Amino acid sequence: PCTRLRITEDGMKVAACDSAGQMAIWQLQDDSMFISPYVAWGTHTKRALDCAFLNNGTVIATSGQGDHSMCIWDTLLPPRSCRVAAFKGNPSYSTYSMCYVPEKRSIVLGCGNGELSVFDLRQLTVSAVDKHAHSKAIRSIALDPSGRYFATGSTDGSIKMWTLEDKLYQRAHLLSMHPTHMFMNQASSESMISQRGTTDLVFTEGALYSCGADGTVKRTPKLPFE
């Protein structure tokens, strides 16, 4: 199954990841239906769980489970040399979510153990870590349109707001936004039973929208985070 879908800011390209470790990118033109992707690569040896465009769509980062937690790909290079950087992370846990912060030239990564880390693209190294950002897996990360802060959503049902300066600063903590539920898995790459709480986050100019395993979509005004 598809694990994440991402679209470039100009709406011209769309990328998808799946639980088989694959990532594909399509070019969207003239509102026509696309047929086949112009990029289709195996990016992780187990699951590919998230992706993020780093520029106009030629460079993309993926996160997941397997030999590397996060990889960066240049789609203009030949397939044999297209992976330009890789980060192993914590080998015991999947990297479920990611978010590109252009102003900091960094990628924020959310791990299966609740750890939040920042990968600096200039130094190609981890620049900040919060090992206890959440008590359970970080399923989603979303950047505010202003670029000043971002939100993380976790299996524990909570949402937290952060700023990234010389290190990570927690600005707000919203408890039990989407209470945790248990589910049976059909995907063979996962355990038979899994937990889900807050599953996805999207910012608009005036609010943060979230959804979760409780079946609700919630709108939270951004005022408390300013």
C-alpha atoms as a PDB file:
ATOM      1  CA  PRO A   1       0.000   0.000   0.000  1.00  0.00           C
ATOM      2  CA  CYS A   2       0.927   3.633  -0.507  1.00  0.00           C
ATOM      3  CA  THR A   3       2.349   5.156   2.665  1.00  0.00           C
ATOM      4  CA  ARG A   4       2.697   8.842   1.677  1.00  0.00           C
ATOM      5  CA  LEU A   5       1.885  11.251  -1.142  1.00  0.00           C
ATOM      6  CA  ARG A   6       3.698  14.575  -1.675  1.00  0.00           C
ATOM      7  CA  ILE A   7       3.200  17.352  -4.248  1.00  0.00           C
ATOM      8  CA  THR A   8       5.641  20.110  -5.231  1.00  0.00           C
ATOM      9  CA  GLU A   9       4.695  23.700  -4.374  1.00  0.00           C
ATOM     10  CA  ASP A  10       3.957  24.502  -8.023  1.00  0.00           C
ATOM     11  CA  GLY A  11       1.684  21.447  -8.274  1.00  0.00           C
ATOM     12  CA  MET A  12       3.572  20.056 -11.264  1.00  0.00           C
ATOM     13  CA  LYS A  13       5.002  16.895  -9.714  1.00  0.00           C
ATOM     14  CA  VAL A  14       3.694  14.290  -7.305  1.00  0.00           C
ATOM     15  CA  ALA A  15       5.670  11.620  -5.441  1.00  0.00           C
ATOM     16  CA  ALA A  16       4.427   8.496  -3.676  1.00  0.00           C
ATOM     17  CA  CYS A  17       6.079   5.963  -1.345  1.00  0.00           C
ATOM     18  CA  ASP A  18       4.928   2.439  -0.553  1.00  0.00           C
ATOM     19  CA  SER A  19       5.402  -0.334   1.975  1.00  0.00           C
ATOM     20  CA  ALA A  20       7.538  -2.331  -0.489  1.00  0.00           C
ATOM     21  CA  GLY A  21      10.298   0.302  -0.272  1.00  0.00           C
ATOM     22  CA  GLN A  22       9.496   1.954  -3.613  1.00  0.00           C
ATOM     23  CA  MET A  23       9.252   5.646  -4.509  1.00  0.00           C
ATOM     24  CA  ALA A  24       7.779   7.008  -7.752  1.00  0.00           C
ATOM     25  CA  ILE A  25       7.411  10.508  -9.205  1.00  0.00           C
ATOM     26  CA  TRP A  26       4.909  11.665 -11.831  1.00  0.00           C
ATOM     27  CA  GLN A  27       4.875  14.829 -13.938  1.00  0.00           C
ATOM     28  CA  LEU A  28       1.475  16.571 -13.989  1.00  0.00           C
ATOM     29  CA  GLN A  29       0.645  18.591 -17.093  1.00  0.00           C
ATOM     30  CA  ASP A  30      -2.451  20.213 -18.631  1.00  0.00           C
ATOM     31  CA  ASP A  31      -4.745  18.656 -16.009  1.00  0.00           C
ATOM     32  CA  SER A  32      -4.435  15.372 -17.892  1.00  0.00           C
ATOM     33  CA  MET A  33      -4.337  11.960 -16.221  1.00  0.00           C
ATOM     34  CA  PHE A  34      -0.821  10.662 -15.763  1.00  0.00           C
ATOM     35  CA  ILE A  35      -0.126   7.111 -16.873  1.00  0.00           C
ATOM     36  CA  SER A  36       3.335   6.112 -15.719  1.00  0.00           C
ATOM     37  CA  PRO A  37       5.975   7.716 -13.462  1.00  0.00           C
ATOM     38  CA  TYR A  38       9.170   9.130 -14.919  1.00  0.00           C
ATOM     39  CA  VAL A  39      11.026   7.944 -11.794  1.00  0.00           C
ATOM     40  CA  ALA A  40      10.371   4.577 -10.112  1.00  0.00           C
ATOM     41  CA  TRP A  41      13.097   3.415  -7.754  1.00  0.00           C
ATOM     42  CA  GLY A  42      13.611   1.088  -4.833  1.00  0.00           C
ATOM     43  CA  THR A  43      14.673   3.496  -2.087  1.00  0.00           C
ATOM     44  CA  HIS A  44      14.620   1.396   1.108  1.00  0.00           C
ATOM     45  CA  THR A  45      15.157  -2.331   1.631  1.00  0.00           C
ATOM     46  CA  LYS A  46      11.955  -2.667   3.674  1.00  0.00           C
ATOM     47  CA  ARG A  47       9.393   0.157   3.765  1.00  0.00           C
ATOM     48  CA  ALA A  48       9.475   3.675   2.299  1.00  0.00           C
ATOM     49  CA  LEU A  49       7.355   5.731   4.684  1.00  0.00           C
ATOM     50  CA  ASP A  50       7.685   9.396   3.685  1.00  0.00           C
ATOM     51  CA  CYS A  51       9.294  11.724   1.152  1.00  0.00           C
ATOM     52  CA  ALA A  52       9.955  15.440   0.718  1.00  0.00           C
ATOM     53  CA  PHE A  53      10.882  17.527  -2.321  1.00  0.00           C
ATOM     54  CA  LEU A  54      13.978  19.629  -1.594  1.00  0.00           C
ATOM     55  CA  ASN A  55      13.765  22.011  -4.558  1.00  0.00           C
ATOM     56  CA  ASN A  56      11.636  22.292  -7.686  1.00  0.00           C
ATOM     57  CA  GLY A  57      11.273  18.528  -7.818  1.00  0.00           C
ATOM     58  CA  THR A  58      14.609  17.246  -9.118  1.00  0.00           C
ATOM     59  CA  VAL A  59      15.984  16.415  -5.652  1.00  0.00           C
ATOM     60  CA  ILE A  60      13.910  14.396  -3.192  1.00  0.00           C
ATOM     61  CA  ALA A  61      14.499  12.845   0.221  1.00  0.00           C
ATOM     62  CA  THR A  62      12.915   9.601   1.418  1.00  0.00           C
ATOM     63  CA  SER A  63      12.614   8.043   4.862  1.00  0.00           C
ATOM     64  CA  GLY A  64      11.755   4.531   5.898  1.00  0.00           C
ATOM     65  CA  GLN A  65      12.937   1.226   7.237  1.00  0.00           C
ATOM     66  CA  GLY A  66      15.837  -0.931   6.143  1.00  0.00           C
ATOM     67  CA  ASP A  67      19.470  -0.241   5.344  1.00  0.00           C
ATOM     68  CA  HIS A  68      19.085   3.549   5.780  1.00  0.00           C
ATOM     69  CA  SER A  69      16.651   5.752   7.695  1.00  0.00           C
ATOM     70  CA  MET A  70      16.864   8.633   5.203  1.00  0.00           C
ATOM     71  CA  CYS A  71      18.224   8.982   1.672  1.00  0.00           C
ATOM     72  CA  ILE A  72      18.551  11.909  -0.738  1.00  0.00           C
ATOM     73  CA  TRP A  73      18.099  11.358  -4.481  1.00  0.00           C
ATOM     74  CA  ASP A  74      18.950  13.492  -7.511  1.00  0.00           C
ATOM     75  CA  THR A  75      16.547  12.540 -10.296  1.00  0.00           C
ATOM     76  CA  LEU A  76      18.754  14.151 -12.974  1.00  0.00           C
ATOM     77  CA  LEU A  77      21.552  11.644 -12.338  1.00  0.00           C
ATOM     78  CA  PRO A  78      21.741   8.105 -13.736  1.00  0.00           C
ATOM     79  CA  PRO A  79      20.033   5.433 -11.578  1.00  0.00           C
ATOM     80  CA  ARG A  80      23.347   3.961 -10.416  1.00  0.00           C
ATOM     81  CA  SER A  81      24.554   7.256  -8.946  1.00  0.00           C
ATOM     82  CA  CYS A  82      21.279   9.015  -8.104  1.00  0.00           C
ATOM     83  CA  ARG A  83      21.529   8.468  -4.342  1.00  0.00           C
ATOM     84  CA  VAL A  84      23.685  11.417  -3.258  1.00  0.00           C
ATOM     85  CA  ALA A  85      23.424  11.060   0.538  1.00  0.00           C
ATOM     86  CA  ALA A  86      22.243   8.535   3.128  1.00  0.00           C
ATOM     87  CA  PHE A  87      21.699   8.591   6.886  1.00  0.00           C
ATOM     88  CA  LYS A  88      21.478   5.408   8.972  1.00  0.00           C
ATOM     89  CA  GLY A  89      19.764   6.866  12.051  1.00  0.00           C
ATOM     90  CA  ASN A  90      18.545   4.502  14.752  1.00  0.00           C
ATOM     91  CA  PRO A  91      18.744   0.950  13.309  1.00  0.00           C
ATOM     92  CA  SER A  92      16.129  -0.355  15.761  1.00  0.00           C
ATOM     93  CA  TYR A  93      13.321   1.927  14.602  1.00  0.00           C
ATOM     94  CA  SER A  94      11.732   3.111  11.361  1.00  0.00           C
ATOM     95  CA  THR A  95      11.814   6.772  10.356  1.00  0.00           C
ATOM     96  CA  TYR A  96       8.116   7.374   9.814  1.00  0.00           C
ATOM     97  CA  SER A  97       7.984  11.040   8.885  1.00  0.00           C
ATOM     98  CA  MET A  98      10.014  13.925   7.520  1.00  0.00           C
ATOM     99  CA  CYS A  99       9.760  17.609   6.688  1.00  0.00           C
ATOM    100  CA  TYR A 100      12.068  19.927   4.744  1.00  0.00           C
ATOM    101  CA  VAL A 101      12.805  23.329   6.348  1.00  0.00           C
ATOM    102  CA  PRO A 102      14.201  25.490   3.488  1.00  0.00           C
ATOM    103  CA  GLU A 103      15.200  28.420   5.701  1.00  0.00           C
ATOM    104  CA  LYS A 104      17.500  26.158   7.734  1.00  0.00           C
ATOM    105  CA  ARG A 105      18.531  23.919   4.834  1.00  0.00           C
ATOM    106  CA  SER A 106      17.580  21.011   7.068  1.00  0.00           C
ATOM    107  CA  ILE A 107      15.328  17.956   7.161  1.00  0.00           C
ATOM    108  CA  VAL A 108      13.392  17.139  10.332  1.00  0.00           C
ATOM    109  CA  LEU A 109      12.948  13.384  10.905  1.00  0.00           C
ATOM    110  CA  GLY A 110      10.408  11.624  13.133  1.00  0.00           C
ATOM    111  CA  CYS A 111      11.352   8.185  14.437  1.00  0.00           C
ATOM    112  CA  GLY A 112       9.407   5.129  15.576  1.00  0.00           C
ATOM    113  CA  ASN A 113      10.591   5.527  19.166  1.00  0.00           C
ATOM    114  CA  GLY A 114       9.392   9.137  19.431  1.00  0.00           C
ATOM    115  CA  GLU A 115      12.810  10.636  18.694  1.00  0.00           C
ATOM    116  CA  LEU A 116      12.997  13.854  16.670  1.00  0.00           C
ATOM    117  CA  SER A 117      16.210  14.697  14.806  1.00  0.00           C
ATOM    118  CA  VAL A 118      17.432  17.374  12.396  1.00  0.00           C
ATOM    119  CA  PHE A 119      19.668  16.553   9.432  1.00  0.00           C
ATOM    120  CA  ASP A 120      21.724  19.536   8.188  1.00  0.00           C
ATOM    121  CA  LEU A 121      22.034  19.390   4.393  1.00  0.00           C
ATOM    122  CA  ARG A 122      25.031  21.749   4.370  1.00  0.00           C
ATOM    123  CA  GLN A 123      27.111  19.627   6.728  1.00  0.00           C
ATOM    124  CA  LEU A 124      25.414  16.295   5.869  1.00  0.00           C
ATOM    125  CA  THR A 125      25.173  15.470   9.557  1.00  0.00           C
ATOM    126  CA  VAL A 126      22.675  15.499  12.427  1.00  0.00           C
ATOM    127  CA  SER A 127      22.623  18.962  14.005  1.00  0.00           C
ATOM    128  CA  ALA A 128      19.987  18.490  16.739  1.00  0.00           C
ATOM    129  CA  VAL A 129      18.193  15.619  18.498  1.00  0.00           C
ATOM    130  CA  ASP A 130      15.372  15.320  21.020  1.00  0.00           C
ATOM    131  CA  LYS A 131      15.317  11.688  22.119  1.00  0.00           C
ATOM    132  CA  HIS A 132      12.055  12.119  24.024  1.00  0.00           C
ATOM    133  CA  ALA A 133      10.053  14.388  21.712  1.00  0.00           C
ATOM    134  CA  HIS A 134       7.071  12.001  21.935  1.00  0.00           C
ATOM    135  CA  SER A 135       6.391   8.859  23.939  1.00  0.00           C
ATOM    136  CA  LYS A 136       5.549   6.883  20.770  1.00  0.00           C
ATOM    137  CA  ALA A 137       6.199   6.983  17.013  1.00  0.00           C
ATOM    138  CA  ILE A 138       6.090  10.351  15.226  1.00  0.00           C
ATOM    139  CA  ARG A 139       3.715   9.681  12.329  1.00  0.00           C
ATOM    140  CA  SER A 140       3.562  13.109  10.704  1.00  0.00           C
ATOM    141  CA  ILE A 141       5.496  16.394  10.514  1.00  0.00           C
ATOM    142  CA  ALA A 142       4.169  19.575   8.896  1.00  0.00           C
ATOM    143  CA  LEU A 143       5.867  22.939   8.317  1.00  0.00           C
ATOM    144  CA  ASP A 144       3.931  26.164   8.865  1.00  0.00           C
ATOM    145  CA  PRO A 145       3.671  28.281   5.654  1.00  0.00           C
ATOM    146  CA  SER A 146       5.726  31.026   7.311  1.00  0.00           C
ATOM    147  CA  GLY A 147       8.576  28.541   7.844  1.00  0.00           C
ATOM    148  CA  ARG A 148       8.962  29.672  11.462  1.00  0.00           C
ATOM    149  CA  TYR A 149       7.745  26.519  13.179  1.00  0.00           C
ATOM    150  CA  PHE A 150       6.542  22.992  12.545  1.00  0.00           C
ATOM    151  CA  ALA A 151       4.183  20.465  14.125  1.00  0.00           C
ATOM    152  CA  THR A 152       4.659  16.797  14.973  1.00  0.00           C
ATOM    153  CA  GLY A 153       1.875  14.249  15.399  1.00  0.00           C
ATOM    154  CA  SER A 154       2.380  10.991  17.261  1.00  0.00           C
ATOM    155  CA  THR A 155       0.895   7.564  17.868  1.00  0.00           C
ATOM    156  CA  ASP A 156       0.487   8.715  21.484  1.00  0.00           C
ATOM    157  CA  GLY A 157      -2.334  10.967  20.199  1.00  0.00           C
ATOM    158  CA  SER A 158      -0.603  14.269  20.888  1.00  0.00           C
ATOM    159  CA  ILE A 159       0.540  17.150  18.693  1.00  0.00           C
ATOM    160  CA  LYS A 160       3.531  19.342  19.508  1.00  0.00           C
ATOM    161  CA  MET A 161       4.743  22.618  18.049  1.00  0.00           C
ATOM    162  CA  TRP A 162       8.453  23.331  17.575  1.00  0.00           C
ATOM    163  CA  THR A 163      10.878  25.986  16.416  1.00  0.00           C
ATOM    164  CA  LEU A 164      14.315  25.190  15.038  1.00  0.00           C
ATOM    165  CA  GLU A 165      17.081  27.579  16.007  1.00  0.00           C
ATOM    166  CA  ASP A 166      20.456  26.406  17.326  1.00  0.00           C
ATOM    167  CA  LYS A 167      18.489  23.431  18.671  1.00  0.00           C
ATOM    168  CA  LEU A 168      14.901  22.169  18.874  1.00  0.00           C
ATOM    169  CA  TYR A 169      12.525  24.186  21.071  1.00  0.00           C
ATOM    170  CA  GLN A 170       9.101  22.854  22.035  1.00  0.00           C
ATOM    171  CA  ARG A 171       6.536  25.682  21.923  1.00  0.00           C
ATOM    172  CA  ALA A 172       3.222  23.928  22.575  1.00  0.00           C
ATOM    173  CA  HIS A 173       1.905  20.503  23.556  1.00  0.00           C
ATOM    174  CA  LEU A 174      -1.656  19.484  22.666  1.00  0.00           C
ATOM    175  CA  LEU A 175      -2.573  16.336  24.595  1.00  0.00           C
ATOM    176  CA  SER A 176      -4.935  13.573  23.413  1.00  0.00           C
ATOM    177  CA  MET A 177      -5.890  15.263  20.161  1.00  0.00           C
ATOM    178  CA  HIS A 178      -6.549  11.855  18.562  1.00  0.00           C
ATOM    179  CA  PRO A 179      -6.637   9.040  21.160  1.00  0.00           C
ATOM    180  CA  THR A 180      -4.672   5.884  20.345  1.00  0.00           C
ATOM    181  CA  HIS A 181      -6.491   2.923  18.773  1.00  0.00           C
ATOM    182  CA  MET A 182      -5.314  -0.623  17.983  1.00  0.00           C
ATOM    183  CA  PHE A 183      -5.563  -2.113  14.478  1.00  0.00           C
ATOM    184  CA  MET A 184      -4.892  -5.432  12.787  1.00  0.00           C
ATOM    185  CA  ASN A 185      -2.302  -5.129  10.006  1.00  0.00           C
ATOM    186  CA  GLN A 186      -2.667  -6.705   6.594  1.00  0.00           C
ATOM    187  CA  ALA A 187       0.829  -5.641   5.475  1.00  0.00           C
ATOM    188  CA  SER A 188       3.293  -8.465   6.053  1.00  0.00           C
ATOM    189  CA  SER A 189       6.144  -5.991   6.664  1.00  0.00           C
ATOM    190  CA  GLU A 190       4.545  -4.867   9.922  1.00  0.00           C
ATOM    191  CA  SER A 191       3.570  -6.642  13.123  1.00  0.00           C
ATOM    192  CA  MET A 192       0.101  -8.181  13.311  1.00  0.00           C
ATOM    193  CA  ILE A 193      -1.214  -5.427  15.582  1.00  0.00           C
ATOM    194  CA  SER A 194      -0.291  -1.753  15.382  1.00  0.00           C
ATOM    195  CA  GLN A 195      -1.225   1.451  17.195  1.00  0.00           C
ATOM    196  CA  ARG A 196      -2.352   4.689  15.604  1.00  0.00           C
ATOM    197  CA  GLY A 197      -3.076   8.073  17.199  1.00  0.00           C
ATOM    198  CA  THR A 198      -2.465  11.307  15.300  1.00  0.00           C
ATOM    199  CA  THR A 199      -1.800  10.193  11.731  1.00  0.00           C
ATOM    200  CA  ASP A 200      -1.510  13.329   9.570  1.00  0.00           C
ATOM    201  CA  LEU A 201      -1.071  17.108   9.815  1.00  0.00           C
ATOM    202  CA  VAL A 202      -1.601  19.951   7.331  1.00  0.00           C
ATOM    203  CA  PHE A 203      -1.043  23.675   7.869  1.00  0.00           C
ATOM    204  CA  THR A 204      -2.988  26.453   6.180  1.00  0.00           C
ATOM    205  CA  GLU A 205      -2.463  30.181   6.626  1.00  0.00           C
ATOM    206  CA  GLY A 206      -4.844  30.328   9.566  1.00  0.00           C
ATOM    207  CA  ALA A 207      -4.927  26.912  11.210  1.00  0.00           C
ATOM    208  CA  LEU A 208      -3.484  23.450  11.709  1.00  0.00           C
ATOM    209  CA  TYR A 209      -5.642  20.533  10.537  1.00  0.00           C
ATOM    210  CA  SER A 210      -5.098  17.080  11.987  1.00  0.00           C
ATOM    211  CA  CYS A 211      -6.657  13.647  11.616  1.00  0.00           C
ATOM    212  CA  GLY A 212      -6.252  10.422  13.491  1.00  0.00           C
ATOM    213  CA  ALA A 213      -7.263   6.888  14.342  1.00  0.00           C
ATOM    214  CA  ASP A 214     -10.331   8.150  16.203  1.00  0.00           C
ATOM    215  CA  GLY A 215     -11.881   9.019  12.821  1.00  0.00           C
ATOM    216  CA  THR A 216     -11.963  12.768  13.369  1.00  0.00           C
ATOM    217  CA  VAL A 217     -10.504  15.782  11.563  1.00  0.00           C
ATOM    218  CA  LYS A 218      -9.751  18.726  13.838  1.00  0.00           C
ATOM    219  CA  ARG A 219      -8.985  22.373  13.152  1.00  0.00           C
ATOM    220  CA  THR A 220      -6.702  24.122  15.632  1.00  0.00           C
ATOM    221  CA  PRO A 221      -6.223  27.911  15.235  1.00  0.00           C
ATOM    222  CA  LYS A 222      -2.561  28.907  15.078  1.00  0.00           C
ATOM    223  CA  LEU A 223      -2.974  31.706  17.610  1.00  0.00           C
ATOM    224  CA  PRO A 224      -1.718  29.630  20.591  1.00  0.00           C
ATOM    225  CA  PHE A 225       1.550  28.969  18.776  1.00  0.00           C
ATOM    226  CA  GLU A 226       2.395  32.549  17.788  1.00  0.00           C
END
